C-alpha cells in the first residue's frame, strides 16, 4: 500500500470515529467511499473493490459502534430495549442485503449508496421535530430494523444514517437519545452483513493478497486494523462531546455530512470537475 493511502485511512478512521461517537452512526458511509477509492487506486477491479469496501466497512463499524454505545450507556442515553428490537430484527435482513449485493453491478451499488444517503439527508433536513420521546412500539422497532438491516447489508453501512432519522421523525426521539440508541442498535445489525460478506467472499475464492492486502472473504484485515485502531479512541471522544451540542446543531451536522458523501458517490463532483476542465 502506498504511504499516502495509509495516511488517508488513518485520517478517515480518526474522523469517522469522532463522528460515530458524536452522531450515533457507525461510520460506514464515511468508510465505504474511502476504502473503495484506496482499493481501486491499488489495482483492484471495481466490482471486487466495492464488495471489499462494503464488507470491510461493516466489520470496522462493529467495534466502533460498540464503543460508542457503551459510552452513551454510561450517560443514560441508550434505550437498550428499542435498540435490541431494531437490531435483532435487522440481523436477518442485513444478511439478505449482503448476499444480494454480491450479484449487483458496481454502478448500481454506488448509485444506490448515493441515493440512499441523499434521501436520508433530505428527510432529516425537512423534518426537524423537537421530539421528547425515548421509546418505540415493538412493531415500529421491528419495521425499522428490517428496513435498516437490509440496506446495511446491501450497502455496507452500519445503518445509523437511517436509524437516526427514523427515530427522530417517526419515533419523535430527542436527538441525543436517537444518536445513542442508534449506536446500540447497529451493534446487532452489522452481524448479518459481516457474515454475508465473509462467506460469499470465501465461496468465490477471491484472492487479492498480491496487492498488499489480506482478505478473508470480502473483508480486508489490513484496512480494518487501521480504521479500528484509529476510530475506537475517537469514538469515545465523540461521545464525550455529544451532550454538549444542541439537538438542531447535531442534526445540521449530520445532514451536511450525508450530503457531501452522497454527492461524491453519485459522481457529482467528477461531473463538475469534468465541466470546468473542458
Foldseek 3Di string as FASTA:
>chain_A
DDPVLLVVLLVLLLVLLLCCLQQQWLSLLSQLVSQLVSCVVLPDDNLLSNLLSLLQSLLLSQLSLVLSLVLVVVVVLAPLVLLCLLQVLLQQLLLVLQQVLNVDDSLVLLLVSLVVLLVLLVLLVVDQAQFDDQDDDSVLSSVNSNVQLNCCLNRNTLRLSRQQSCCCPVVSHHRSSSSNHSSSNSNRSSNSSNVNQQVQQVVVPDDPCVSVFDDRRSYTPVSSVSSNVSSNVSSSVSNVCNVVDHRVVSSVVSSVVSNVSSCVSNCVVVVVVVVVVD
